[in-house]
Amino acid sequence: MNIFCAGLNYKTTSLEIRERFAVSDDEMEKLLRRFHSIEGVSGAAILSTCNRVEFYVSTLCPLQALSSCHSVLQERIGIDIPLYHYSTPDAVRHLFRVASGLDSMVLGETEIFGQVKNAYSFSVKRGMTTRTLHRLFQHTFRVAKHVRTETHITRGASSVGSVAVQLAEKIFGNLNLCRVMILGAGEISERTARSLQSRGVRSLIVSNRHYDKAVALAAEIGGMALHFDHWEKNILDVDIIISATGAPHAILTVEKIKPLLKQRQGRPLFIIDLAVPRDVEPGINKMEGVFLYDIDSLQKIASESIEVRRQEVVRCESLIEENVKEFLRWMKNITLTVS
C-alpha cells in the first residue's frame, strides 16, 4: 500500500487559479467520493484552504491515482493545471511539513493545523479513511504539536490574521478606537478578530449568512451580531472589514462600495479579504481611501517577519525526518504482518 498526495498551492499557482479550484463544504463530499471510487484507491482525504488544495489517498498504484485525480480536477474547472505530486515516503514528509506550518505562506502559521484536522475528520465521518491514512494523520498531529512546542517556529507573526493586523497598525496606528466588521464566522475570521483584539480593538461586528453562527462568534469575542442582509447599511462607521465568507462570488463590489465611500467623507477603509474565491472585487483597491489586501498580497508583509523563524527550520526538518522514518517502520511492519 502506498500513500499518495497531489495538489496545488500558493507557490505553484496564482490566486485566480486557486479560487477556481477551491472546494466548498457543499462540494467536498461529492469530490471526496469521486476520488474514493477511483480504481485502486482504498481511502482518501481532501485538504482545501485559501492557499492550497491537496488530496491524500492510500492506493496500490500511485501513477494511476495521479492520472485519475488529475482528470477529475481538470473536468471540474475546465482547464489543465500541472499538479505537484508525491508518493511514500515524500507524501508522508509533505503532510508533516504542511501541518507544521513549514509549507505555508506565513512560515510557522498555526491555522493550517486545524484545517488538516478538519480534513481528516471530514473523511473519517464519511467512512473514507483506511488504517494507513488514520495512522498517518494521527502521527501528523503529534509531529505538528512537537514542532510547535519544541521549536520557536511560531514566534512572531505566525498567521495570515496576525500579518493583516500588522498592516492595520501601519494604516491606523493605535487600533483602540477602530471599529471592525467581520463578514463570515469561520475559524480564519475568529483568529483574525482575536489578533485585532490583542492589539486593542474593542468594537467588533459579526455578520454571517447563518445568523446563529454570527451570534456564537460575537459572543466569543465580545462583539455584536448582525443579520447578513444589513451589513451594507452598517459600514459607514467601520474602519476595518475582514471578509472570509466562502461565497462563490464577490460580495463587496465596486457598485456597492462606491456610494458608501462618498458618505465616509474621506475616512480610510481597510479591507482584509481572506476568502478564496475572493469576496472583494479587485477594482475596489483603486478607490480613494481604500486599502485592500487579499491572501497573496499579504505575502510580502509575511516575509518581513520570517527571519527569526527561518533559523528554526533546520530543527523542525530534523524532527520531521525522525518521524518520517518512524512512520515508514510502522508501514513496513504492517506490510510484513499482512503478508
C-alpha atoms as a PDB file:
ATOM      1  CA  MET A   1       0.000   0.000   0.000  1.00  0.00           C
ATOM      2  CA  ASN A   2       1.242   3.485  -0.889  1.00  0.00           C
ATOM      3  CA  ILE A   3       0.351   6.944   0.381  1.00  0.00           C
ATOM      4  CA  PHE A   4      -0.063   9.367  -2.472  1.00  0.00           C
ATOM      5  CA  CYS A   5      -0.519  13.133  -2.418  1.00  0.00           C
ATOM      6  CA  ALA A   6      -1.130  15.645  -5.201  1.00  0.00           C
ATOM      7  CA  GLY A   7      -2.261  19.248  -5.337  1.00  0.00           C
ATOM      8  CA  LEU A   8      -1.527  22.899  -5.975  1.00  0.00           C
ATOM      9  CA  ASN A   9      -0.690  25.792  -3.669  1.00  0.00           C
ATOM     10  CA  TYR A  10       0.294  29.451  -3.488  1.00  0.00           C
ATOM     11  CA  LYS A  11       3.807  28.634  -4.725  1.00  0.00           C
ATOM     12  CA  THR A  12       2.661  26.876  -7.897  1.00  0.00           C
ATOM     13  CA  THR A  13      -0.474  28.784  -8.916  1.00  0.00           C
ATOM     14  CA  SER A  14      -1.902  32.291  -8.736  1.00  0.00           C
ATOM     15  CA  LEU A  15      -4.840  33.330  -6.575  1.00  0.00           C
ATOM     16  CA  GLU A  16      -7.003  33.473  -9.718  1.00  0.00           C
ATOM     17  CA  ILE A  17      -6.370  29.771 -10.305  1.00  0.00           C
ATOM     18  CA  ARG A  18      -6.651  28.730  -6.649  1.00  0.00           C
ATOM     19  CA  GLU A  19     -10.035  30.366  -6.238  1.00  0.00           C
ATOM     20  CA  ARG A  20     -11.333  28.292  -9.164  1.00  0.00           C
ATOM     21  CA  PHE A  21     -10.030  25.106  -7.575  1.00  0.00           C
ATOM     22  CA  ALA A  22     -11.240  25.900  -4.041  1.00  0.00           C
ATOM     23  CA  VAL A  23     -13.637  23.257  -2.732  1.00  0.00           C
ATOM     24  CA  SER A  24     -16.657  24.492  -0.776  1.00  0.00           C
ATOM     25  CA  ASP A  25     -18.189  22.486   2.060  1.00  0.00           C
ATOM     26  CA  ASP A  26     -21.119  21.606  -0.171  1.00  0.00           C
ATOM     27  CA  GLU A  27     -18.812  20.196  -2.870  1.00  0.00           C
ATOM     28  CA  MET A  28     -16.386  18.416  -0.565  1.00  0.00           C
ATOM     29  CA  GLU A  29     -18.277  15.177  -0.029  1.00  0.00           C
ATOM     30  CA  LYS A  30     -19.094  14.713  -3.707  1.00  0.00           C
ATOM     31  CA  LEU A  31     -15.484  15.273  -4.775  1.00  0.00           C
ATOM     32  CA  LEU A  32     -14.167  13.059  -1.987  1.00  0.00           C
ATOM     33  CA  ARG A  33     -16.422  10.221  -3.096  1.00  0.00           C
ATOM     34  CA  ARG A  34     -15.194  10.565  -6.675  1.00  0.00           C
ATOM     35  CA  PHE A  35     -11.599  10.233  -5.524  1.00  0.00           C
ATOM     36  CA  HIS A  36     -12.525   7.305  -3.293  1.00  0.00           C
ATOM     37  CA  SER A  37     -14.181   5.497  -6.215  1.00  0.00           C
ATOM     38  CA  ILE A  38     -11.016   5.551  -8.351  1.00  0.00           C
ATOM     39  CA  GLU A  39      -9.789   2.029  -9.066  1.00  0.00           C
ATOM     40  CA  GLY A  40      -7.002   1.054  -6.682  1.00  0.00           C
ATOM     41  CA  VAL A  41      -7.809   3.815  -4.176  1.00  0.00           C
ATOM     42  CA  SER A  42      -8.918   2.495  -0.771  1.00  0.00           C
ATOM     43  CA  GLY A  43      -9.032   5.746   1.206  1.00  0.00           C
ATOM     44  CA  ALA A  44      -8.991   9.494   0.570  1.00  0.00           C
ATOM     45  CA  ALA A  45      -8.935  12.910   2.266  1.00  0.00           C
ATOM     46  CA  ILE A  46      -9.036  16.415   0.778  1.00  0.00           C
ATOM     47  CA  LEU A  47      -7.369  19.495   2.246  1.00  0.00           C
ATOM     48  CA  SER A  48      -8.772  22.728   0.788  1.00  0.00           C
ATOM     49  CA  THR A  49      -7.651  26.084   2.213  1.00  0.00           C
ATOM     50  CA  CYS A  50      -7.113  29.595   0.902  1.00  0.00           C
ATOM     51  CA  ASN A  51      -3.553  28.663  -0.048  1.00  0.00           C
ATOM     52  CA  ARG A  52      -3.802  25.062  -1.219  1.00  0.00           C
ATOM     53  CA  VAL A  53      -5.948  22.218  -2.496  1.00  0.00           C
ATOM     54  CA  GLU A  54      -4.427  18.797  -1.856  1.00  0.00           C
ATOM     55  CA  PHE A  55      -5.749  15.259  -1.822  1.00  0.00           C
ATOM     56  CA  TYR A  56      -4.228  12.325   0.054  1.00  0.00           C
ATOM     57  CA  VAL A  57      -5.054   8.735  -0.859  1.00  0.00           C
ATOM     58  CA  SER A  58      -3.988   5.233   0.071  1.00  0.00           C
ATOM     59  CA  THR A  59      -3.536   3.310  -3.149  1.00  0.00           C
ATOM     60  CA  LEU A  60      -1.862   0.342  -4.752  1.00  0.00           C
ATOM     61  CA  CYS A  61      -0.950   2.360  -7.857  1.00  0.00           C
ATOM     62  CA  PRO A  62       0.164   5.991  -7.342  1.00  0.00           C
ATOM     63  CA  LEU A  63       0.552   6.714 -11.071  1.00  0.00           C
ATOM     64  CA  GLN A  64      -2.992   5.597 -11.807  1.00  0.00           C
ATOM     65  CA  ALA A  65      -4.249   7.650  -8.869  1.00  0.00           C
ATOM     66  CA  LEU A  66      -2.458  10.731 -10.228  1.00  0.00           C
ATOM     67  CA  SER A  67      -3.897  10.304 -13.717  1.00  0.00           C
ATOM     68  CA  SER A  68      -7.444   9.746 -12.475  1.00  0.00           C
ATOM     69  CA  CYS A  69      -7.390  12.534  -9.876  1.00  0.00           C
ATOM     70  CA  HIS A  70      -5.927  14.950 -12.420  1.00  0.00           C
ATOM     71  CA  SER A  71      -8.762  14.105 -14.819  1.00  0.00           C
ATOM     72  CA  VAL A  72     -11.365  14.714 -12.107  1.00  0.00           C
ATOM     73  CA  LEU A  73      -9.929  18.149 -11.265  1.00  0.00           C
ATOM     74  CA  GLN A  74      -9.483  19.135 -14.920  1.00  0.00           C
ATOM     75  CA  GLU A  75     -13.103  18.189 -15.615  1.00  0.00           C
ATOM     76  CA  ARG A  76     -14.197  20.186 -12.596  1.00  0.00           C
ATOM     77  CA  ILE A  77     -12.861  23.574 -13.737  1.00  0.00           C
ATOM     78  CA  GLY A  78     -12.260  23.033 -17.446  1.00  0.00           C
ATOM     79  CA  ILE A  79      -8.536  23.850 -17.568  1.00  0.00           C
ATOM     80  CA  ASP A  80      -5.416  21.734 -17.362  1.00  0.00           C
ATOM     81  CA  ILE A  81      -3.168  22.676 -14.428  1.00  0.00           C
ATOM     82  CA  PRO A  82       0.010  20.720 -13.547  1.00  0.00           C
ATOM     83  CA  LEU A  83      -0.143  19.284 -10.041  1.00  0.00           C
ATOM     84  CA  TYR A  84       2.778  18.591  -7.735  1.00  0.00           C
ATOM     85  CA  HIS A  85       2.627  15.020  -6.514  1.00  0.00           C
ATOM     86  CA  TYR A  86       4.386  12.775  -4.016  1.00  0.00           C
ATOM     87  CA  SER A  87       4.259   9.133  -3.040  1.00  0.00           C
ATOM     88  CA  THR A  88       5.627   7.354   0.025  1.00  0.00           C
ATOM     89  CA  PRO A  89       7.876   8.484   1.701  1.00  0.00           C
ATOM     90  CA  ASP A  90       7.730  12.009   0.226  1.00  0.00           C
ATOM     91  CA  ALA A  91       3.947  12.209   0.678  1.00  0.00           C
ATOM     92  CA  VAL A  92       4.349  11.480   4.390  1.00  0.00           C
ATOM     93  CA  ARG A  93       7.071  14.113   4.724  1.00  0.00           C
ATOM     94  CA  HIS A  94       4.967  16.657   2.824  1.00  0.00           C
ATOM     95  CA  LEU A  95       1.940  16.245   5.103  1.00  0.00           C
ATOM     96  CA  PHE A  96       4.134  16.527   8.203  1.00  0.00           C
ATOM     97  CA  ARG A  97       5.605  19.774   6.830  1.00  0.00           C
ATOM     98  CA  VAL A  98       2.200  21.177   5.849  1.00  0.00           C
ATOM     99  CA  ALA A  99       0.601  20.539   9.250  1.00  0.00           C
ATOM    100  CA  SER A 100       3.655  22.005  11.000  1.00  0.00           C
ATOM    101  CA  GLY A 101       3.410  25.275   9.056  1.00  0.00           C
ATOM    102  CA  LEU A 102       6.689  24.750   7.148  1.00  0.00           C
ATOM    103  CA  ASP A 103       4.977  24.794   3.745  1.00  0.00           C
ATOM    104  CA  SER A 104       2.801  27.830   4.468  1.00  0.00           C
ATOM    105  CA  MET A 105       2.922  31.325   3.005  1.00  0.00           C
ATOM    106  CA  VAL A 106       3.474  32.571   6.559  1.00  0.00           C
ATOM    107  CA  LEU A 107       6.213  30.283   7.879  1.00  0.00           C
ATOM    108  CA  GLY A 108       5.063  28.633  11.105  1.00  0.00           C
ATOM    109  CA  GLU A 109       1.399  29.641  10.731  1.00  0.00           C
ATOM    110  CA  THR A 110      -0.949  27.902  13.149  1.00  0.00           C
ATOM    111  CA  GLU A 111      -4.289  27.863  11.268  1.00  0.00           C
ATOM    112  CA  ILE A 112      -3.182  25.035   8.983  1.00  0.00           C
ATOM    113  CA  PHE A 113      -3.053  22.551  11.865  1.00  0.00           C
ATOM    114  CA  GLY A 114      -6.779  22.917  12.498  1.00  0.00           C
ATOM    115  CA  GLN A 115      -7.517  22.776   8.776  1.00  0.00           C
ATOM    116  CA  VAL A 116      -5.660  19.462   8.425  1.00  0.00           C
ATOM    117  CA  LYS A 117      -7.589  18.088  11.415  1.00  0.00           C
ATOM    118  CA  ASN A 118     -10.864  19.161   9.816  1.00  0.00           C
ATOM    119  CA  ALA A 119      -9.942  17.494   6.506  1.00  0.00           C
ATOM    120  CA  TYR A 120      -9.188  14.236   8.315  1.00  0.00           C
ATOM    121  CA  SER A 121     -12.353  14.421  10.438  1.00  0.00           C
ATOM    122  CA  PHE A 122     -14.498  15.066   7.355  1.00  0.00           C
ATOM    123  CA  SER A 123     -13.161  11.920   5.705  1.00  0.00           C
ATOM    124  CA  VAL A 124     -13.483   9.794   8.853  1.00  0.00           C
ATOM    125  CA  LYS A 125     -17.127  10.735   9.369  1.00  0.00           C
ATOM    126  CA  ARG A 126     -17.898   9.538   5.851  1.00  0.00           C
ATOM    127  CA  GLY A 127     -16.043   6.259   6.188  1.00  0.00           C
ATOM    128  CA  MET A 128     -13.385   7.097   3.610  1.00  0.00           C
ATOM    129  CA  THR A 129     -10.181   6.590   5.563  1.00  0.00           C
ATOM    130  CA  THR A 130      -8.130   3.415   5.906  1.00  0.00           C
ATOM    131  CA  ARG A 131      -5.967   2.092   8.690  1.00  0.00           C
ATOM    132  CA  THR A 132      -2.928   3.564   6.939  1.00  0.00           C
ATOM    133  CA  LEU A 133      -4.475   7.026   6.460  1.00  0.00           C
ATOM    134  CA  HIS A 134      -5.780   7.010  10.018  1.00  0.00           C
ATOM    135  CA  ARG A 135      -2.304   6.279  11.350  1.00  0.00           C
ATOM    136  CA  LEU A 136      -0.756   8.867   9.022  1.00  0.00           C
ATOM    137  CA  PHE A 137      -2.982  11.714  10.188  1.00  0.00           C
ATOM    138  CA  GLN A 138      -2.734  10.799  13.861  1.00  0.00           C
ATOM    139  CA  HIS A 139       1.047  10.754  13.551  1.00  0.00           C
ATOM    140  CA  THR A 140       0.876  14.083  11.678  1.00  0.00           C
ATOM    141  CA  PHE A 141      -0.936  15.744  14.565  1.00  0.00           C
ATOM    142  CA  ARG A 142       1.712  14.560  17.019  1.00  0.00           C
ATOM    143  CA  VAL A 143       4.512  15.843  14.779  1.00  0.00           C
ATOM    144  CA  ALA A 144       2.898  19.272  14.367  1.00  0.00           C
ATOM    145  CA  LYS A 145       2.432  19.624  18.129  1.00  0.00           C
ATOM    146  CA  HIS A 146       6.058  18.671  18.755  1.00  0.00           C
ATOM    147  CA  VAL A 147       7.265  21.203  16.207  1.00  0.00           C
ATOM    148  CA  ARG A 148       5.270  23.975  17.876  1.00  0.00           C
ATOM    149  CA  THR A 149       6.328  23.111  21.424  1.00  0.00           C
ATOM    150  CA  GLU A 150       9.973  22.157  20.832  1.00  0.00           C
ATOM    151  CA  THR A 151      10.974  24.962  18.452  1.00  0.00           C
ATOM    152  CA  HIS A 152      10.362  28.703  18.026  1.00  0.00           C
ATOM    153  CA  ILE A 153       8.845  28.357  14.559  1.00  0.00           C
ATOM    154  CA  THR A 154       5.645  30.172  15.619  1.00  0.00           C
ATOM    155  CA  ARG A 155       7.448  33.157  17.156  1.00  0.00           C
ATOM    156  CA  GLY A 156       6.312  36.485  15.681  1.00  0.00           C
ATOM    157  CA  ALA A 157       3.501  36.843  13.116  1.00  0.00           C
ATOM    158  CA  SER A 158       2.537  33.218  12.545  1.00  0.00           C
ATOM    159  CA  SER A 159      -0.813  33.535  10.801  1.00  0.00           C
ATOM    160  CA  VAL A 160      -2.401  35.409   7.941  1.00  0.00           C
ATOM    161  CA  GLY A 161      -4.586  37.165  10.505  1.00  0.00           C
ATOM    162  CA  SER A 162      -1.656  38.456  12.538  1.00  0.00           C
ATOM    163  CA  VAL A 163       0.046  39.716   9.377  1.00  0.00           C
ATOM    164  CA  ALA A 164      -3.147  41.554   8.429  1.00  0.00           C
ATOM    165  CA  VAL A 165      -3.213  43.167  11.875  1.00  0.00           C
ATOM    166  CA  GLN A 166       0.333  44.451  11.359  1.00  0.00           C
ATOM    167  CA  LEU A 167      -0.893  46.145   8.181  1.00  0.00           C
ATOM    168  CA  ALA A 168      -3.849  47.701  10.006  1.00  0.00           C
ATOM    169  CA  GLU A 169      -1.486  49.201  12.569  1.00  0.00           C
ATOM    170  CA  LYS A 170       0.602  50.758   9.807  1.00  0.00           C
ATOM    171  CA  ILE A 171      -2.501  52.469   8.433  1.00  0.00           C
ATOM    172  CA  PHE A 172      -4.331  53.484  11.630  1.00  0.00           C
ATOM    173  CA  GLY A 173      -1.581  53.487  14.233  1.00  0.00           C
ATOM    174  CA  ASN A 174      -3.290  52.782  17.564  1.00  0.00           C
ATOM    175  CA  LEU A 175      -6.225  50.416  16.974  1.00  0.00           C
ATOM    176  CA  ASN A 176      -8.061  51.137  20.232  1.00  0.00           C
ATOM    177  CA  LEU A 177     -10.703  53.312  18.600  1.00  0.00           C
ATOM    178  CA  CYS A 178     -11.097  51.283  15.390  1.00  0.00           C
ATOM    179  CA  ARG A 179     -14.402  49.609  14.568  1.00  0.00           C
ATOM    180  CA  VAL A 180     -14.208  46.235  12.836  1.00  0.00           C
ATOM    181  CA  MET A 181     -16.810  44.374  10.802  1.00  0.00           C
ATOM    182  CA  ILE A 182     -16.306  40.656  10.222  1.00  0.00           C
ATOM    183  CA  LEU A 183     -18.102  39.054   7.269  1.00  0.00           C
ATOM    184  CA  GLY A 184     -18.152  35.307   7.809  1.00  0.00           C
ATOM    185  CA  ALA A 185     -17.940  33.412  11.089  1.00  0.00           C
ATOM    186  CA  GLY A 186     -15.360  30.709  10.383  1.00  0.00           C
ATOM    187  CA  GLU A 187     -12.061  29.887  12.059  1.00  0.00           C
ATOM    188  CA  ILE A 188      -9.991  32.341   9.998  1.00  0.00           C
ATOM    189  CA  SER A 189     -12.352  35.211  10.848  1.00  0.00           C
ATOM    190  CA  GLU A 190     -12.209  34.307  14.529  1.00  0.00           C
ATOM    191  CA  ARG A 191      -8.400  34.128  14.627  1.00  0.00           C
ATOM    192  CA  THR A 192      -8.032  37.455  12.845  1.00  0.00           C
ATOM    193  CA  ALA A 193     -10.554  39.069  15.180  1.00  0.00           C
ATOM    194  CA  ARG A 194      -8.643  37.795  18.194  1.00  0.00           C
ATOM    195  CA  SER A 195      -5.403  39.184  16.739  1.00  0.00           C
ATOM    196  CA  LEU A 196      -7.107  42.570  16.399  1.00  0.00           C
ATOM    197  CA  GLN A 197      -8.383  42.320  19.971  1.00  0.00           C
ATOM    198  CA  SER A 198      -4.866  41.640  21.220  1.00  0.00           C
ATOM    199  CA  ARG A 199      -3.797  44.949  19.621  1.00  0.00           C
ATOM    200  CA  GLY A 200      -6.525  46.954  21.330  1.00  0.00           C
ATOM    201  CA  VAL A 201      -9.641  46.683  19.096  1.00  0.00           C
ATOM    202  CA  ARG A 202     -12.799  46.599  21.220  1.00  0.00           C
ATOM    203  CA  SER A 203     -15.619  47.330  18.771  1.00  0.00           C
ATOM    204  CA  LEU A 204     -16.450  44.248  16.672  1.00  0.00           C
ATOM    205  CA  ILE A 205     -19.460  43.474  14.458  1.00  0.00           C
ATOM    206  CA  VAL A 206     -20.029  39.954  13.102  1.00  0.00           C
ATOM    207  CA  SER A 207     -22.261  39.259  10.101  1.00  0.00           C
ATOM    208  CA  ASN A 208     -22.841  35.832   8.575  1.00  0.00           C
ATOM    209  CA  ARG A 209     -25.370  34.209   6.247  1.00  0.00           C
ATOM    210  CA  HIS A 210     -26.338  31.900   9.104  1.00  0.00           C
ATOM    211  CA  TYR A 211     -27.219  34.338  11.853  1.00  0.00           C
ATOM    212  CA  ASP A 212     -26.826  31.794  14.658  1.00  0.00           C
ATOM    213  CA  LYS A 213     -23.135  31.401  13.774  1.00  0.00           C
ATOM    214  CA  ALA A 214     -22.712  35.170  13.844  1.00  0.00           C
ATOM    215  CA  VAL A 215     -24.292  35.240  17.296  1.00  0.00           C
ATOM    216  CA  ALA A 216     -21.984  32.463  18.526  1.00  0.00           C
ATOM    217  CA  LEU A 217     -18.794  34.149  17.268  1.00  0.00           C
ATOM    218  CA  ALA A 218     -19.891  37.570  18.522  1.00  0.00           C
ATOM    219  CA  ALA A 219     -20.434  36.086  21.973  1.00  0.00           C
ATOM    220  CA  GLU A 220     -16.944  34.544  21.976  1.00  0.00           C
ATOM    221  CA  ILE A 221     -15.161  37.755  21.025  1.00  0.00           C
ATOM    222  CA  GLY A 222     -17.391  40.202  22.860  1.00  0.00           C
ATOM    223  CA  GLY A 223     -18.873  41.670  19.693  1.00  0.00           C
ATOM    224  CA  MET A 224     -22.288  42.360  18.195  1.00  0.00           C
ATOM    225  CA  ALA A 225     -24.070  40.055  15.728  1.00  0.00           C
ATOM    226  CA  LEU A 226     -25.689  41.451  12.599  1.00  0.00           C
ATOM    227  CA  HIS A 227     -28.019  39.857  10.053  1.00  0.00           C
ATOM    228  CA  PHE A 228     -26.232  39.429   6.717  1.00  0.00           C
ATOM    229  CA  ASP A 229     -28.839  41.468   4.866  1.00  0.00           C
ATOM    230  CA  HIS A 230     -27.906  44.513   6.963  1.00  0.00           C
ATOM    231  CA  TRP A 231     -24.106  44.626   6.751  1.00  0.00           C
ATOM    232  CA  GLU A 232     -24.033  47.202   3.922  1.00  0.00           C
ATOM    233  CA  LYS A 233     -26.003  49.715   5.971  1.00  0.00           C
ATOM    234  CA  ASN A 234     -23.551  49.448   8.850  1.00  0.00           C
ATOM    235  CA  ILE A 235     -20.184  50.084   7.216  1.00  0.00           C
ATOM    236  CA  LEU A 236     -20.314  53.887   7.260  1.00  0.00           C
ATOM    237  CA  ASP A 237     -18.691  53.979  10.698  1.00  0.00           C
ATOM    238  CA  VAL A 238     -16.487  50.884  10.218  1.00  0.00           C
ATOM    239  CA  ASP A 239     -12.709  51.259   9.854  1.00  0.00           C
ATOM    240  CA  ILE A 240     -11.750  47.666   9.072  1.00  0.00           C
ATOM    241  CA  ILE A 241     -13.625  44.930   7.208  1.00  0.00           C
ATOM    242  CA  ILE A 242     -12.482  41.303   7.453  1.00  0.00           C
ATOM    243  CA  SER A 243     -14.161  39.146   4.833  1.00  0.00           C
ATOM    244  CA  ALA A 244     -13.947  35.340   4.702  1.00  0.00           C
ATOM    245  CA  THR A 245     -17.421  34.124   3.783  1.00  0.00           C
ATOM    246  CA  GLY A 246     -16.823  31.234   1.408  1.00  0.00           C
ATOM    247  CA  ALA A 247     -19.281  32.754  -1.086  1.00  0.00           C
ATOM    248  CA  PRO A 248     -18.828  31.619  -4.718  1.00  0.00           C
ATOM    249  CA  HIS A 249     -18.707  35.223  -5.959  1.00  0.00           C
ATOM    250  CA  ALA A 250     -17.663  38.695  -4.783  1.00  0.00           C
ATOM    251  CA  ILE A 251     -19.965  40.239  -2.176  1.00  0.00           C
ATOM    252  CA  LEU A 252     -18.100  43.562  -1.838  1.00  0.00           C
ATOM    253  CA  THR A 253     -18.348  45.107  -5.276  1.00  0.00           C
ATOM    254  CA  VAL A 254     -17.434  48.493  -6.709  1.00  0.00           C
ATOM    255  CA  GLU A 255     -21.116  49.148  -7.301  1.00  0.00           C
ATOM    256  CA  LYS A 256     -21.971  48.586  -3.618  1.00  0.00           C
ATOM    257  CA  ILE A 257     -18.987  50.335  -2.055  1.00  0.00           C
ATOM    258  CA  LYS A 258     -18.687  53.432  -4.260  1.00  0.00           C
ATOM    259  CA  PRO A 259     -21.782  55.319  -2.988  1.00  0.00           C
ATOM    260  CA  LEU A 260     -20.929  54.429   0.609  1.00  0.00           C
ATOM    261  CA  LEU A 261     -17.432  55.904   0.330  1.00  0.00           C
ATOM    262  CA  LYS A 262     -18.873  59.311  -0.505  1.00  0.00           C
ATOM    263  CA  GLN A 263     -20.662  59.298   2.842  1.00  0.00           C
ATOM    264  CA  ARG A 264     -17.484  58.434   4.749  1.00  0.00           C
ATOM    265  CA  GLN A 265     -16.027  61.871   3.997  1.00  0.00           C
ATOM    266  CA  GLY A 266     -12.507  60.671   3.270  1.00  0.00           C
ATOM    267  CA  ARG A 267     -12.059  58.358   6.267  1.00  0.00           C
ATOM    268  CA  PRO A 268      -9.820  55.392   5.273  1.00  0.00           C
ATOM    269  CA  LEU A 269     -11.338  51.929   4.908  1.00  0.00           C
ATOM    270  CA  PHE A 270      -9.074  48.902   5.392  1.00  0.00           C
ATOM    271  CA  ILE A 271     -10.349  45.654   3.838  1.00  0.00           C
ATOM    272  CA  ILE A 272      -8.785  42.254   4.516  1.00  0.00           C
ATOM    273  CA  ASP A 273     -10.068  39.693   2.001  1.00  0.00           C
ATOM    274  CA  LEU A 274      -9.161  36.261   3.355  1.00  0.00           C
ATOM    275  CA  ALA A 275     -11.594  34.354   1.158  1.00  0.00           C
ATOM    276  CA  VAL A 276     -10.843  32.010  -1.743  1.00  0.00           C
ATOM    277  CA  PRO A 277     -12.701  32.590  -4.035  1.00  0.00           C
ATOM    278  CA  ARG A 278     -12.270  36.267  -3.221  1.00  0.00           C
ATOM    279  CA  ASP A 279     -15.086  38.182  -1.521  1.00  0.00           C
ATOM    280  CA  VAL A 280     -13.937  41.589  -2.785  1.00  0.00           C
ATOM    281  CA  GLU A 281     -13.692  42.877  -6.335  1.00  0.00           C
ATOM    282  CA  PRO A 282     -10.045  43.852  -7.044  1.00  0.00           C
ATOM    283  CA  GLY A 283     -11.235  47.151  -8.556  1.00  0.00           C
ATOM    284  CA  ILE A 284     -12.159  48.395  -5.083  1.00  0.00           C
ATOM    285  CA  ASN A 285      -8.453  48.830  -4.336  1.00  0.00           C
ATOM    286  CA  LYS A 286      -8.312  51.681  -6.895  1.00  0.00           C
ATOM    287  CA  MET A 287     -10.819  53.757  -4.931  1.00  0.00           C
ATOM    288  CA  GLU A 288      -9.596  56.743  -2.960  1.00  0.00           C
ATOM    289  CA  GLY A 289      -9.111  55.987   0.717  1.00  0.00           C
ATOM    290  CA  VAL A 290      -9.497  52.202   0.404  1.00  0.00           C
ATOM    291  CA  PHE A 291      -6.694  49.793   1.346  1.00  0.00           C
ATOM    292  CA  LEU A 292      -7.443  46.266   0.094  1.00  0.00           C
ATOM    293  CA  TYR A 293      -5.280  43.235   0.813  1.00  0.00           C
ATOM    294  CA  ASP A 294      -6.018  39.665  -0.302  1.00  0.00           C
ATOM    295  CA  ILE A 295      -4.244  36.417   0.555  1.00  0.00           C
ATOM    296  CA  ASP A 296      -1.438  36.847  -1.976  1.00  0.00           C
ATOM    297  CA  SER A 297      -0.750  40.498  -1.193  1.00  0.00           C
ATOM    298  CA  LEU A 298      -0.130  39.572   2.458  1.00  0.00           C
ATOM    299  CA  GLN A 299       2.892  37.511   1.447  1.00  0.00           C
ATOM    300  CA  LYS A 300       5.239  40.499   1.279  1.00  0.00           C
ATOM    301  CA  ILE A 301       4.361  41.518   4.828  1.00  0.00           C
ATOM    302  CA  ALA A 302       4.810  37.930   5.980  1.00  0.00           C
ATOM    303  CA  SER A 303       8.333  37.814   4.580  1.00  0.00           C
ATOM    304  CA  GLU A 304       9.382  40.757   6.761  1.00  0.00           C
ATOM    305  CA  SER A 305       8.909  38.746   9.956  1.00  0.00           C
ATOM    306  CA  ILE A 306      10.214  35.445   8.666  1.00  0.00           C
ATOM    307  CA  GLU A 307      13.915  35.591   9.543  1.00  0.00           C
ATOM    308  CA  VAL A 308      13.557  34.709  13.238  1.00  0.00           C
ATOM    309  CA  ARG A 309      11.537  31.629  12.386  1.00  0.00           C
ATOM    310  CA  ARG A 310      13.716  30.656   9.429  1.00  0.00           C
ATOM    311  CA  GLN A 311      16.524  29.894  11.866  1.00  0.00           C
ATOM    312  CA  GLU A 312      14.286  27.243  13.425  1.00  0.00           C
ATOM    313  CA  VAL A 313      13.581  25.416  10.155  1.00  0.00           C
ATOM    314  CA  VAL A 314      16.623  23.135  10.445  1.00  0.00           C
ATOM    315  CA  ARG A 315      15.445  21.943  13.860  1.00  0.00           C
ATOM    316  CA  CYS A 316      11.924  21.423  12.533  1.00  0.00           C
ATOM    317  CA  GLU A 317      13.095  19.487   9.482  1.00  0.00           C
ATOM    318  CA  SER A 318      15.257  17.232  11.643  1.00  0.00           C
ATOM    319  CA  LEU A 319      12.339  16.472  13.944  1.00  0.00           C
ATOM    320  CA  ILE A 320      10.093  15.746  10.958  1.00  0.00           C
ATOM    321  CA  GLU A 321      12.669  13.439   9.356  1.00  0.00           C
ATOM    322  CA  GLU A 322      12.867  11.359  12.524  1.00  0.00           C
ATOM    323  CA  ASN A 323       9.105  10.947  12.451  1.00  0.00           C
ATOM    324  CA  VAL A 324       9.043  10.061   8.748  1.00  0.00           C
ATOM    325  CA  LYS A 325      11.409   7.173   9.494  1.00  0.00           C
ATOM    326  CA  GLU A 326       9.264   6.095  12.430  1.00  0.00           C
ATOM    327  CA  PHE A 327       6.116   6.075  10.303  1.00  0.00           C
ATOM    328  CA  LEU A 328       7.820   4.136   7.492  1.00  0.00           C
ATOM    329  CA  ARG A 329       8.898   1.492  10.003  1.00  0.00           C
ATOM    330  CA  TRP A 330       5.269   1.153  11.050  1.00  0.00           C
ATOM    331  CA  MET A 331       4.171   0.765   7.410  1.00  0.00           C
ATOM    332  CA  LYS A 332       6.837  -1.868   6.812  1.00  0.00           C
ATOM    333  CA  ASN A 333       5.745  -3.851   9.873  1.00  0.00           C
ATOM    334  CA  ILE A 334       2.100  -3.707   8.778  1.00  0.00           C
ATOM    335  CA  THR A 335       3.058  -4.970   5.298  1.00  0.00           C
ATOM    336  CA  LEU A 336       5.044  -7.861   6.773  1.00  0.00           C
ATOM    337  CA  THR A 337       2.176  -8.737   9.121  1.00  0.00           C
ATOM    338  CA  VAL A 338      -0.382  -8.766   6.291  1.00  0.00           C
ATOM    339  CA  SER A 339       1.851 -10.823   4.010  1.00  0.00           C
END
